[in-house]
mmCIF file of all heavy atoms, coordinates in Angstrom:
data_MODEL
# 
_entry.id   MODEL 
# 
loop_
_atom_site.group_PDB 
_atom_site.id 
_atom_site.type_symbol 
_atom_site.label_atom_id 
_atom_site.label_alt_id 
_atom_site.label_comp_id 
_atom_site.label_asym_id 
_atom_site.label_entity_id 
_atom_site.label_seq_id 
_atom_site.pdbx_PDB_ins_code 
_atom_site.Cartn_x 
_atom_site.Cartn_y 
_atom_site.Cartn_z 
_atom_site.occupancy 
_atom_site.B_iso_or_equiv 
_atom_site.pdbx_formal_charge 
_atom_site.auth_seq_id 
_atom_site.auth_comp_id 
_atom_site.auth_asym_id 
_atom_site.auth_atom_id 
_atom_site.pdbx_PDB_model_num 
ATOM 1   N N   . ASP A 1 1  ? 6.734   -4.021  -6.131  1.00 0.00 ? 1  ASP A N   1 
ATOM 2   C CA  . ASP A 1 1  ? 5.930   -3.029  -5.432  1.00 0.00 ? 1  ASP A CA  1 
ATOM 3   C C   . ASP A 1 1  ? 6.354   -2.932  -3.961  1.00 0.00 ? 1  ASP A C   1 
ATOM 4   O O   . ASP A 1 1  ? 6.393   -1.807  -3.387  1.00 0.00 ? 1  ASP A O   1 
ATOM 5   C CB  . ASP A 1 1  ? 4.442   -3.366  -5.538  1.00 0.00 ? 1  ASP A CB  1 
ATOM 6   C CG  . ASP A 1 1  ? 4.113   -4.789  -5.155  1.00 0.00 ? 1  ASP A CG  1 
ATOM 7   O OD1 . ASP A 1 1  ? 5.022   -5.638  -5.114  1.00 0.00 ? 1  ASP A OD1 1 
ATOM 8   O OD2 . ASP A 1 1  ? 2.930   -5.090  -4.894  1.00 0.00 ? 1  ASP A OD2 1 
ATOM 9   N N   . LEU A 1 2  ? 6.697   -4.052  -3.324  1.00 0.00 ? 2  LEU A N   1 
ATOM 10  C CA  . LEU A 1 2  ? 7.115   -4.028  -1.924  1.00 0.00 ? 2  LEU A CA  1 
ATOM 11  C C   . LEU A 1 2  ? 8.355   -3.179  -1.752  1.00 0.00 ? 2  LEU A C   1 
ATOM 12  O O   . LEU A 1 2  ? 8.505   -2.432  -0.768  1.00 0.00 ? 2  LEU A O   1 
ATOM 13  C CB  . LEU A 1 2  ? 7.384   -5.449  -1.426  1.00 0.00 ? 2  LEU A CB  1 
ATOM 14  C CG  . LEU A 1 2  ? 6.190   -6.404  -1.424  1.00 0.00 ? 2  LEU A CG  1 
ATOM 15  C CD1 . LEU A 1 2  ? 6.651   -7.782  -0.921  1.00 0.00 ? 2  LEU A CD1 1 
ATOM 16  C CD2 . LEU A 1 2  ? 5.053   -5.871  -0.549  1.00 0.00 ? 2  LEU A CD2 1 
ATOM 17  N N   . LEU A 1 3  ? 9.279   -3.279  -2.702  1.00 0.00 ? 3  LEU A N   1 
ATOM 18  C CA  . LEU A 1 3  ? 10.484  -2.461  -2.657  1.00 0.00 ? 3  LEU A CA  1 
ATOM 19  C C   . LEU A 1 3  ? 10.178  -0.995  -2.845  1.00 0.00 ? 3  LEU A C   1 
ATOM 20  O O   . LEU A 1 3  ? 10.739  -0.117  -2.157  1.00 0.00 ? 3  LEU A O   1 
ATOM 21  C CB  . LEU A 1 3  ? 11.448  -2.956  -3.734  1.00 0.00 ? 3  LEU A CB  1 
ATOM 22  C CG  . LEU A 1 3  ? 12.895  -2.445  -3.686  1.00 0.00 ? 3  LEU A CG  1 
ATOM 23  C CD1 . LEU A 1 3  ? 13.522  -2.695  -2.337  1.00 0.00 ? 3  LEU A CD1 1 
ATOM 24  C CD2 . LEU A 1 3  ? 13.706  -3.106  -4.791  1.00 0.00 ? 3  LEU A CD2 1 
ATOM 25  N N   . THR A 1 4  ? 9.218   -0.699  -3.705  1.00 0.00 ? 4  THR A N   1 
ATOM 26  C CA  . THR A 1 4  ? 8.794   0.694   -3.941  1.00 0.00 ? 4  THR A CA  1 
ATOM 27  C C   . THR A 1 4  ? 8.204   1.290   -2.693  1.00 0.00 ? 4  THR A C   1 
ATOM 28  O O   . THR A 1 4  ? 8.521   2.420   -2.290  1.00 0.00 ? 4  THR A O   1 
ATOM 29  C CB  . THR A 1 4  ? 7.778   0.753   -5.088  1.00 0.00 ? 4  THR A CB  1 
ATOM 30  O OG1 . THR A 1 4  ? 8.360   0.153   -6.266  1.00 0.00 ? 4  THR A OG1 1 
ATOM 31  C CG2 . THR A 1 4  ? 7.404   2.174   -5.410  1.00 0.00 ? 4  THR A CG2 1 
ATOM 32  N N   . TRP A 1 5  ? 7.282   0.520   -2.037  1.00 0.00 ? 5  TRP A N   1 
ATOM 33  C CA  . TRP A 1 5  ? 6.646   1.070   -0.828  1.00 0.00 ? 5  TRP A CA  1 
ATOM 34  C C   . TRP A 1 5  ? 7.676   1.308   0.290   1.00 0.00 ? 5  TRP A C   1 
ATOM 35  O O   . TRP A 1 5  ? 7.592   2.294   1.034   1.00 0.00 ? 5  TRP A O   1 
ATOM 36  C CB  . TRP A 1 5  ? 5.564   0.121   -0.309  1.00 0.00 ? 5  TRP A CB  1 
ATOM 37  C CG  . TRP A 1 5  ? 4.629   -0.451  -1.294  1.00 0.00 ? 5  TRP A CG  1 
ATOM 38  C CD1 . TRP A 1 5  ? 4.032   -1.687  -1.254  1.00 0.00 ? 5  TRP A CD1 1 
ATOM 39  C CD2 . TRP A 1 5  ? 4.086   0.151   -2.505  1.00 0.00 ? 5  TRP A CD2 1 
ATOM 40  N NE1 . TRP A 1 5  ? 3.202   -1.877  -2.343  1.00 0.00 ? 5  TRP A NE1 1 
ATOM 41  C CE2 . TRP A 1 5  ? 3.223   -0.769  -3.133  1.00 0.00 ? 5  TRP A CE2 1 
ATOM 42  C CE3 . TRP A 1 5  ? 4.294   1.396   -3.136  1.00 0.00 ? 5  TRP A CE3 1 
ATOM 43  C CZ2 . TRP A 1 5  ? 2.565   -0.510  -4.302  1.00 0.00 ? 5  TRP A CZ2 1 
ATOM 44  C CZ3 . TRP A 1 5  ? 3.647   1.660   -4.321  1.00 0.00 ? 5  TRP A CZ3 1 
ATOM 45  C CH2 . TRP A 1 5  ? 2.785   0.731   -4.897  1.00 0.00 ? 5  TRP A CH2 1 
ATOM 46  N N   . ALA A 1 6  ? 8.639   0.423   0.409   1.00 0.00 ? 6  ALA A N   1 
ATOM 47  C CA  . ALA A 1 6  ? 9.661   0.584   1.434   1.00 0.00 ? 6  ALA A CA  1 
ATOM 48  C C   . ALA A 1 6  ? 10.475  1.859   1.213   1.00 0.00 ? 6  ALA A C   1 
ATOM 49  O O   . ALA A 1 6  ? 10.753  2.614   2.140   1.00 0.00 ? 6  ALA A O   1 
ATOM 50  C CB  . ALA A 1 6  ? 10.587  -0.643  1.460   1.00 0.00 ? 6  ALA A CB  1 
ATOM 51  N N   . LYS A 1 7  ? 10.863  2.086   -0.051  1.00 0.00 ? 7  LYS A N   1 
ATOM 52  C CA  . LYS A 1 7  ? 11.638  3.293   -0.373  1.00 0.00 ? 7  LYS A CA  1 
ATOM 53  C C   . LYS A 1 7  ? 10.791  4.553   -0.074  1.00 0.00 ? 7  LYS A C   1 
ATOM 54  O O   . LYS A 1 7  ? 11.315  5.534   0.427   1.00 0.00 ? 7  LYS A O   1 
ATOM 55  C CB  . LYS A 1 7  ? 12.041  3.276   -1.844  1.00 0.00 ? 7  LYS A CB  1 
ATOM 56  C CG  . LYS A 1 7  ? 13.101  2.237   -2.158  1.00 0.00 ? 7  LYS A CG  1 
ATOM 57  C CD  . LYS A 1 7  ? 13.457  2.268   -3.652  1.00 0.00 ? 7  LYS A CD  1 
ATOM 58  C CE  . LYS A 1 7  ? 14.519  1.248   -3.987  1.00 0.00 ? 7  LYS A CE  1 
ATOM 59  N NZ  . LYS A 1 7  ? 14.838  1.277   -5.456  1.00 0.00 ? 7  LYS A NZ  1 
ATOM 60  N N   . LEU A 1 8  ? 9.514   4.486   -0.412  1.00 0.00 ? 8  LEU A N   1 
ATOM 61  C CA  . LEU A 1 8  ? 8.638   5.653   -0.136  1.00 0.00 ? 8  LEU A CA  1 
ATOM 62  C C   . LEU A 1 8  ? 8.467   5.868   1.354   1.00 0.00 ? 8  LEU A C   1 
ATOM 63  O O   . LEU A 1 8  ? 8.441   7.013   1.817   1.00 0.00 ? 8  LEU A O   1 
ATOM 64  C CB  . LEU A 1 8  ? 7.275   5.425   -0.801  1.00 0.00 ? 8  LEU A CB  1 
ATOM 65  C CG  . LEU A 1 8  ? 7.205   5.562   -2.312  1.00 0.00 ? 8  LEU A CG  1 
ATOM 66  C CD1 . LEU A 1 8  ? 5.877   5.034   -2.834  1.00 0.00 ? 8  LEU A CD1 1 
ATOM 67  C CD2 . LEU A 1 8  ? 7.400   7.022   -2.747  1.00 0.00 ? 8  LEU A CD2 1 
ATOM 68  N N   . ALA A 1 9  ? 8.342   4.794   2.104   1.00 0.00 ? 9  ALA A N   1 
ATOM 69  C CA  . ALA A 1 9  ? 8.119   4.878   3.564   1.00 0.00 ? 9  ALA A CA  1 
ATOM 70  C C   . ALA A 1 9  ? 9.293   5.516   4.268   1.00 0.00 ? 9  ALA A C   1 
ATOM 71  O O   . ALA A 1 9  ? 9.109   6.222   5.276   1.00 0.00 ? 9  ALA A O   1 
ATOM 72  C CB  . ALA A 1 9  ? 7.852   3.502   4.151   1.00 0.00 ? 9  ALA A CB  1 
ATOM 73  N N   . ILE A 1 10 ? 10.490  5.317   3.776   1.00 0.00 ? 10 ILE A N   1 
ATOM 74  C CA  . ILE A 1 10 ? 11.681  5.909   4.385   1.00 0.00 ? 10 ILE A CA  1 
ATOM 75  C C   . ILE A 1 10 ? 11.700  7.428   4.229   1.00 0.00 ? 10 ILE A C   1 
ATOM 76  O O   . ILE A 1 10 ? 12.096  8.176   5.126   1.00 0.00 ? 10 ILE A O   1 
ATOM 77  C CB  . ILE A 1 10 ? 12.970  5.283   3.777   1.00 0.00 ? 10 ILE A CB  1 
ATOM 78  C CG1 . ILE A 1 10 ? 13.100  3.828   4.216   1.00 0.00 ? 10 ILE A CG1 1 
ATOM 79  C CG2 . ILE A 1 10 ? 14.206  6.079   4.155   1.00 0.00 ? 10 ILE A CG2 1 
ATOM 80  C CD1 . ILE A 1 10 ? 14.194  3.063   3.511   1.00 0.00 ? 10 ILE A CD1 1 
ATOM 81  N N   . LYS A 1 11 ? 11.227  7.904   3.068   1.00 0.00 ? 11 LYS A N   1 
ATOM 82  C CA  . LYS A 1 11 ? 11.352  9.302   2.736   1.00 0.00 ? 11 LYS A CA  1 
ATOM 83  C C   . LYS A 1 11 ? 10.068  10.136  2.907   1.00 0.00 ? 11 LYS A C   1 
ATOM 84  O O   . LYS A 1 11 ? 10.119  11.369  2.823   1.00 0.00 ? 11 LYS A O   1 
ATOM 85  C CB  . LYS A 1 11 ? 11.816  9.445   1.282   1.00 0.00 ? 11 LYS A CB  1 
ATOM 86  C CG  . LYS A 1 11 ? 13.212  8.942   1.000   1.00 0.00 ? 11 LYS A CG  1 
ATOM 87  C CD  . LYS A 1 11 ? 13.581  9.084   -0.458  1.00 0.00 ? 11 LYS A CD  1 
ATOM 88  C CE  . LYS A 1 11 ? 15.041  8.732   -0.743  1.00 0.00 ? 11 LYS A CE  1 
ATOM 89  N NZ  . LYS A 1 11 ? 15.941  9.781   -0.241  1.00 0.00 ? 11 LYS A NZ  1 
ATOM 90  N N   . ASN A 1 12 ? 8.923   9.480   3.118   1.00 0.00 ? 12 ASN A N   1 
ATOM 91  C CA  . ASN A 1 12 ? 7.646   10.203  3.071   1.00 0.00 ? 12 ASN A CA  1 
ATOM 92  C C   . ASN A 1 12 ? 6.709   9.838   4.206   1.00 0.00 ? 12 ASN A C   1 
ATOM 93  O O   . ASN A 1 12 ? 6.746   8.742   4.730   1.00 0.00 ? 12 ASN A O   1 
ATOM 94  C CB  . ASN A 1 12 ? 6.927   9.914   1.729   1.00 0.00 ? 12 ASN A CB  1 
ATOM 95  C CG  . ASN A 1 12 ? 7.728   10.351  0.528   1.00 0.00 ? 12 ASN A CG  1 
ATOM 96  O OD1 . ASN A 1 12 ? 7.679   11.498  0.113   1.00 0.00 ? 12 ASN A OD1 1 
ATOM 97  N ND2 . ASN A 1 12 ? 8.506   9.417   -0.039  1.00 0.00 ? 12 ASN A ND2 1 
ATOM 98  N N   . GLU A 1 13 ? 5.845   10.805  4.559   1.00 0.00 ? 13 GLU A N   1 
ATOM 99  C CA  . GLU A 1 13 ? 4.782   10.551  5.511   1.00 0.00 ? 13 GLU A CA  1 
ATOM 100 C C   . GLU A 1 13 ? 3.633   9.840   4.813   1.00 0.00 ? 13 GLU A C   1 
ATOM 101 O O   . GLU A 1 13 ? 3.241   10.238  3.705   1.00 0.00 ? 13 GLU A O   1 
ATOM 102 C CB  . GLU A 1 13 ? 4.282   11.872  6.083   1.00 0.00 ? 13 GLU A CB  1 
ATOM 103 C CG  . GLU A 1 13 ? 3.242   11.771  7.156   1.00 0.00 ? 13 GLU A CG  1 
ATOM 104 C CD  . GLU A 1 13 ? 2.842   13.103  7.713   1.00 0.00 ? 13 GLU A CD  1 
ATOM 105 O OE1 . GLU A 1 13 ? 3.526   13.591  8.644   1.00 0.00 ? 13 GLU A OE1 1 
ATOM 106 O OE2 . GLU A 1 13 ? 1.832   13.681  7.233   1.00 0.00 ? 13 GLU A OE2 1 
ATOM 107 N N   . ILE A 1 14 ? 3.119   8.792   5.426   1.00 0.00 ? 14 ILE A N   1 
ATOM 108 C CA  . ILE A 1 14 ? 2.055   7.989   4.825   1.00 0.00 ? 14 ILE A CA  1 
ATOM 109 C C   . ILE A 1 14 ? 0.759   8.190   5.618   1.00 0.00 ? 14 ILE A C   1 
ATOM 110 O O   . ILE A 1 14 ? 0.679   7.880   6.793   1.00 0.00 ? 14 ILE A O   1 
ATOM 111 C CB  . ILE A 1 14 ? 2.390   6.476   4.829   1.00 0.00 ? 14 ILE A CB  1 
ATOM 112 C CG1 . ILE A 1 14 ? 3.685   6.208   4.082   1.00 0.00 ? 14 ILE A CG1 1 
ATOM 113 C CG2 . ILE A 1 14 ? 1.247   5.653   4.224   1.00 0.00 ? 14 ILE A CG2 1 
ATOM 114 C CD1 . ILE A 1 14 ? 4.211   4.794   4.246   1.00 0.00 ? 14 ILE A CD1 1 
ATOM 115 N N   . ALA A 1 15 ? -0.267  8.744   4.933   1.00 0.00 ? 15 ALA A N   1 
ATOM 116 C CA  . ALA A 1 15 ? -1.598  8.863   5.582   1.00 0.00 ? 15 ALA A CA  1 
ATOM 117 C C   . ALA A 1 15 ? -2.391  7.643   5.209   1.00 0.00 ? 15 ALA A C   1 
ATOM 118 O O   . ALA A 1 15 ? -2.400  7.192   4.053   1.00 0.00 ? 15 ALA A O   1 
ATOM 119 C CB  . ALA A 1 15 ? -2.289  10.130  5.083   1.00 0.00 ? 15 ALA A CB  1 
ATOM 120 N N   . TYR A 1 16 ? -3.106  7.078   6.191   1.00 0.00 ? 16 TYR A N   1 
ATOM 121 C CA  . TYR A 1 16 ? -3.749  5.776   5.999   1.00 0.00 ? 16 TYR A CA  1 
ATOM 122 C C   . TYR A 1 16 ? -5.189  5.790   6.479   1.00 0.00 ? 16 TYR A C   1 
ATOM 123 O O   . TYR A 1 16 ? -5.527  6.354   7.500   1.00 0.00 ? 16 TYR A O   1 
ATOM 124 C CB  . TYR A 1 16 ? -2.973  4.701   6.740   1.00 0.00 ? 16 TYR A CB  1 
ATOM 125 C CG  . TYR A 1 16 ? -3.211  3.302   6.227   1.00 0.00 ? 16 TYR A CG  1 
ATOM 126 C CD1 . TYR A 1 16 ? -2.488  2.833   5.141   1.00 0.00 ? 16 TYR A CD1 1 
ATOM 127 C CD2 . TYR A 1 16 ? -4.131  2.460   6.827   1.00 0.00 ? 16 TYR A CD2 1 
ATOM 128 C CE1 . TYR A 1 16 ? -2.667  1.529   4.649   1.00 0.00 ? 16 TYR A CE1 1 
ATOM 129 C CE2 . TYR A 1 16 ? -4.307  1.160   6.369   1.00 0.00 ? 16 TYR A CE2 1 
ATOM 130 C CZ  . TYR A 1 16 ? -3.591  0.712   5.275   1.00 0.00 ? 16 TYR A CZ  1 
ATOM 131 O OH  . TYR A 1 16 ? -3.776  -0.552  4.797   1.00 0.00 ? 16 TYR A OH  1 
ATOM 132 N N   . ASN A 1 17 ? -6.065  5.144   5.698   1.00 0.00 ? 17 ASN A N   1 
ATOM 133 C CA  . ASN A 1 17 ? -7.438  4.965   6.029   1.00 0.00 ? 17 ASN A CA  1 
ATOM 134 C C   . ASN A 1 17 ? -7.711  3.460   6.265   1.00 0.00 ? 17 ASN A C   1 
ATOM 135 O O   . ASN A 1 17 ? -7.422  2.659   5.365   1.00 0.00 ? 17 ASN A O   1 
ATOM 136 C CB  . ASN A 1 17 ? -8.369  5.487   4.944   1.00 0.00 ? 17 ASN A CB  1 
ATOM 137 C CG  . ASN A 1 17 ? -9.827  5.543   5.314   1.00 0.00 ? 17 ASN A CG  1 
ATOM 138 O OD1 . ASN A 1 17 ? -10.291 4.688   6.077   1.00 0.00 ? 17 ASN A OD1 1 
ATOM 139 N ND2 . ASN A 1 17 ? -10.563 6.504   4.783   1.00 0.00 ? 17 ASN A ND2 1 
ATOM 140 N N   . LEU A 1 18 ? -8.178  3.090   7.438   1.00 0.00 ? 18 LEU A N   1 
ATOM 141 C CA  . LEU A 1 18 ? -8.379  1.676   7.765   1.00 0.00 ? 18 LEU A CA  1 
ATOM 142 C C   . LEU A 1 18 ? -9.597  1.043   7.095   1.00 0.00 ? 18 LEU A C   1 
ATOM 143 O O   . LEU A 1 18 ? -9.764  -0.161  7.173   1.00 0.00 ? 18 LEU A O   1 
ATOM 144 C CB  . LEU A 1 18 ? -8.510  1.521   9.294   1.00 0.00 ? 18 LEU A CB  1 
ATOM 145 C CG  . LEU A 1 18 ? -7.240  1.855   10.098  1.00 0.00 ? 18 LEU A CG  1 
ATOM 146 C CD1 . LEU A 1 18 ? -7.564  1.808   11.599  1.00 0.00 ? 18 LEU A CD1 1 
ATOM 147 C CD2 . LEU A 1 18 ? -6.131  0.852   9.756   1.00 0.00 ? 18 LEU A CD2 1 
ATOM 148 N N   . LYS A 1 19 ? -10.431 1.877   6.454   1.00 0.00 ? 19 LYS A N   1 
ATOM 149 C CA  . LYS A 1 19 ? -11.562 1.288   5.708   1.00 0.00 ? 19 LYS A CA  1 
ATOM 150 C C   . LYS A 1 19 ? -11.068 0.538   4.485   1.00 0.00 ? 19 LYS A C   1 
ATOM 151 O O   . LYS A 1 19 ? -10.187 1.009   3.762   1.00 0.00 ? 19 LYS A O   1 
ATOM 152 C CB  . LYS A 1 19 ? -12.527 2.383   5.271   1.00 0.00 ? 19 LYS A CB  1 
ATOM 153 C CG  . LYS A 1 19 ? -13.183 3.186   6.377   1.00 0.00 ? 19 LYS A CG  1 
ATOM 154 C CD  . LYS A 1 19 ? -14.006 4.324   5.804   1.00 0.00 ? 19 LYS A CD  1 
ATOM 155 C CE  . LYS A 1 19 ? -14.598 5.206   6.891   1.00 0.00 ? 19 LYS A CE  1 
ATOM 156 N NZ  . LYS A 1 19 ? -15.333 6.380   6.317   1.00 0.00 ? 19 LYS A NZ  1 
ATOM 157 N N   . ALA A 1 20 ? -11.634 -0.646  4.250   1.00 0.00 ? 20 ALA A N   1 
ATOM 158 C CA  . ALA A 1 20 ? -11.236 -1.421  3.053   1.00 0.00 ? 20 ALA A CA  1 
ATOM 159 C C   . ALA A 1 20 ? -11.996 -0.878  1.850   1.00 0.00 ? 20 ALA A C   1 
ATOM 160 O O   . ALA A 1 20 ? -13.189 -1.151  1.674   1.00 0.00 ? 20 ALA A O   1 
ATOM 161 C CB  . ALA A 1 20 ? -11.572 -2.897  3.278   1.00 0.00 ? 20 ALA A CB  1 
ATOM 162 N N   . LEU A 1 21 ? -11.326 -0.114  1.005   1.00 0.00 ? 21 LEU A N   1 
ATOM 163 C CA  . LEU A 1 21 ? -11.969 0.607   -0.077  1.00 0.00 ? 21 LEU A CA  1 
ATOM 164 C C   . LEU A 1 21 ? -11.557 0.126   -1.467  1.00 0.00 ? 21 LEU A C   1 
ATOM 165 O O   . LEU A 1 21 ? -11.905 0.759   -2.481  1.00 0.00 ? 21 LEU A O   1 
ATOM 166 C CB  . LEU A 1 21 ? -11.698 2.111   0.062   1.00 0.00 ? 21 LEU A CB  1 
ATOM 167 C CG  . LEU A 1 21 ? -12.252 2.764   1.342   1.00 0.00 ? 21 LEU A CG  1 
ATOM 168 C CD1 . LEU A 1 21 ? -11.683 4.166   1.504   1.00 0.00 ? 21 LEU A CD1 1 
ATOM 169 C CD2 . LEU A 1 21 ? -13.786 2.788   1.280   1.00 0.00 ? 21 LEU A CD2 1 
ATOM 170 N N   . ALA A 1 22 ? -10.816 -0.966  -1.527  1.00 0.00 ? 22 ALA A N   1 
ATOM 171 C CA  . ALA A 1 22 ? -10.442 -1.558  -2.811  1.00 0.00 ? 22 ALA A CA  1 
ATOM 172 C C   . ALA A 1 22 ? -10.433 -3.070  -2.654  1.00 0.00 ? 22 ALA A C   1 
ATOM 173 O O   . ALA A 1 22 ? -10.396 -3.584  -1.546  1.00 0.00 ? 22 ALA A O   1 
ATOM 174 C CB  . ALA A 1 22 ? -9.057  -1.049  -3.250  1.00 0.00 ? 22 ALA A CB  1 
ATOM 175 N N   . VAL A 1 23 ? -10.461 -3.771  -3.786  1.00 0.00 ? 23 VAL A N   1 
ATOM 176 C CA  . VAL A 1 23 ? -10.512 -5.228  -3.763  1.00 0.00 ? 23 VAL A CA  1 
ATOM 177 C C   . VAL A 1 23 ? -9.398  -5.808  -4.636  1.00 0.00 ? 23 VAL A C   1 
ATOM 178 O O   . VAL A 1 23 ? -9.274  -5.473  -5.819  1.00 0.00 ? 23 VAL A O   1 
ATOM 179 C CB  . VAL A 1 23 ? -11.880 -5.744  -4.276  1.00 0.00 ? 23 VAL A CB  1 
ATOM 180 C CG1 . VAL A 1 23 ? -11.925 -7.262  -4.201  1.00 0.00 ? 23 VAL A CG1 1 
ATOM 181 C CG2 . VAL A 1 23 ? -13.028 -5.139  -3.490  1.00 0.00 ? 23 VAL A CG2 1 
ATOM 182 N N   . PHE A 1 24 ? -8.580  -6.638  -3.983  1.00 0.00 ? 24 PHE A N   1 
ATOM 183 C CA  . PHE A 1 24 ? -7.519  -7.358  -4.684  1.00 0.00 ? 24 PHE A CA  1 
ATOM 184 C C   . PHE A 1 24 ? -8.118  -8.657  -5.219  1.00 0.00 ? 24 PHE A C   1 
ATOM 185 O O   . PHE A 1 24 ? -8.359  -9.619  -4.480  1.00 0.00 ? 24 PHE A O   1 
ATOM 186 C CB  . PHE A 1 24 ? -6.416  -7.651  -3.680  1.00 0.00 ? 24 PHE A CB  1 
ATOM 187 C CG  . PHE A 1 24 ? -5.201  -8.397  -4.221  1.00 0.00 ? 24 PHE A CG  1 
ATOM 188 C CD1 . PHE A 1 24 ? -5.061  -8.706  -5.576  1.00 0.00 ? 24 PHE A CD1 1 
ATOM 189 C CD2 . PHE A 1 24 ? -4.195  -8.769  -3.359  1.00 0.00 ? 24 PHE A CD2 1 
ATOM 190 C CE1 . PHE A 1 24 ? -3.979  -9.402  -6.075  1.00 0.00 ? 24 PHE A CE1 1 
ATOM 191 C CE2 . PHE A 1 24 ? -3.077  -9.460  -3.839  1.00 0.00 ? 24 PHE A CE2 1 
ATOM 192 C CZ  . PHE A 1 24 ? -2.966  -9.761  -5.183  1.00 0.00 ? 24 PHE A CZ  1 
ATOM 193 N N   . VAL A 1 25 ? -8.396  -8.696  -6.510  1.00 0.00 ? 25 VAL A N   1 
ATOM 194 C CA  . VAL A 1 25 ? -9.054  -9.845  -7.130  1.00 0.00 ? 25 VAL A CA  1 
ATOM 195 C C   . VAL A 1 25 ? -7.993  -10.836 -7.602  1.00 0.00 ? 25 VAL A C   1 
ATOM 196 O O   . VAL A 1 25 ? -7.183  -10.537 -8.462  1.00 0.00 ? 25 VAL A O   1 
ATOM 197 C CB  . VAL A 1 25 ? -9.939  -9.408  -8.329  1.00 0.00 ? 25 VAL A CB  1 
ATOM 198 C CG1 . VAL A 1 25 ? -10.617 -10.625 -8.961  1.00 0.00 ? 25 VAL A CG1 1 
ATOM 199 C CG2 . VAL A 1 25 ? -10.975 -8.380  -7.878  1.00 0.00 ? 25 VAL A CG2 1 
ATOM 200 N N   . GLN A 1 26 ? -7.999  -12.009 -6.989  1.00 0.00 ? 26 GLN A N   1 
ATOM 201 C CA  . GLN A 1 26 ? -6.988  -13.022 -7.280  1.00 0.00 ? 26 GLN A CA  1 
ATOM 202 C C   . GLN A 1 26 ? -7.579  -14.161 -8.104  1.00 0.00 ? 26 GLN A C   1 
ATOM 203 O O   . GLN A 1 26 ? -8.711  -14.584 -7.844  1.00 0.00 ? 26 GLN A O   1 
ATOM 204 C CB  . GLN A 1 26 ? -6.427  -13.581 -5.987  1.00 0.00 ? 26 GLN A CB  1 
ATOM 205 C CG  . GLN A 1 26 ? -5.794  -12.514 -5.088  1.00 0.00 ? 26 GLN A CG  1 
ATOM 206 C CD  . GLN A 1 26 ? -5.484  -13.083 -3.712  1.00 0.00 ? 26 GLN A CD  1 
ATOM 207 O OE1 . GLN A 1 26 ? -6.369  -13.235 -2.875  1.00 0.00 ? 26 GLN A OE1 1 
ATOM 208 N NE2 . GLN A 1 26 ? -4.233  -13.431 -3.515  1.00 0.00 ? 26 GLN A NE2 1 
ATOM 209 N N   . ASP A 1 27 ? -6.820  -14.641 -9.070  1.00 0.00 ? 27 ASP A N   1 
ATOM 210 C CA  . ASP A 1 27 ? -7.286  -15.854 -9.797  1.00 0.00 ? 27 ASP A CA  1 
ATOM 211 C C   . ASP A 1 27 ? -6.764  -17.093 -9.063  1.00 0.00 ? 27 ASP A C   1 
ATOM 212 O O   . ASP A 1 27 ? -6.020  -17.005 -8.083  1.00 0.00 ? 27 ASP A O   1 
ATOM 213 C CB  . ASP A 1 27 ? -6.840  -15.834 -11.259 1.00 0.00 ? 27 ASP A CB  1 
ATOM 214 C CG  . ASP A 1 27 ? -5.323  -15.752 -11.423 1.00 0.00 ? 27 ASP A CG  1 
ATOM 215 O OD1 . ASP A 1 27 ? -4.608  -16.221 -10.524 1.00 0.00 ? 27 ASP A OD1 1 
ATOM 216 O OD2 . ASP A 1 27 ? -4.857  -15.215 -12.440 1.00 0.00 ? 27 ASP A OD2 1 
ATOM 217 N N   . SER A 1 28 ? -7.150  -18.263 -9.541  1.00 0.00 ? 28 SER A N   1 
ATOM 218 C CA  . SER A 1 28 ? -6.807  -19.498 -8.830  1.00 0.00 ? 28 SER A CA  1 
ATOM 219 C C   . SER A 1 28 ? -5.301  -19.731 -8.748  1.00 0.00 ? 28 SER A C   1 
ATOM 220 O O   . SER A 1 28 ? -4.812  -20.353 -7.818  1.00 0.00 ? 28 SER A O   1 
ATOM 221 C CB  . SER A 1 28 ? -7.474  -20.706 -9.532  1.00 0.00 ? 28 SER A CB  1 
ATOM 222 O OG  . SER A 1 28 ? -7.091  -20.780 -10.889 1.00 0.00 ? 28 SER A OG  1 
# 
């Protein structure tokens, strides 16, 4: 995914919302 975001960032404008609107649920 990190590679995907980097490729997208080079070619595209990224609009961003600083509100935390999702939760990354991690297991142990």
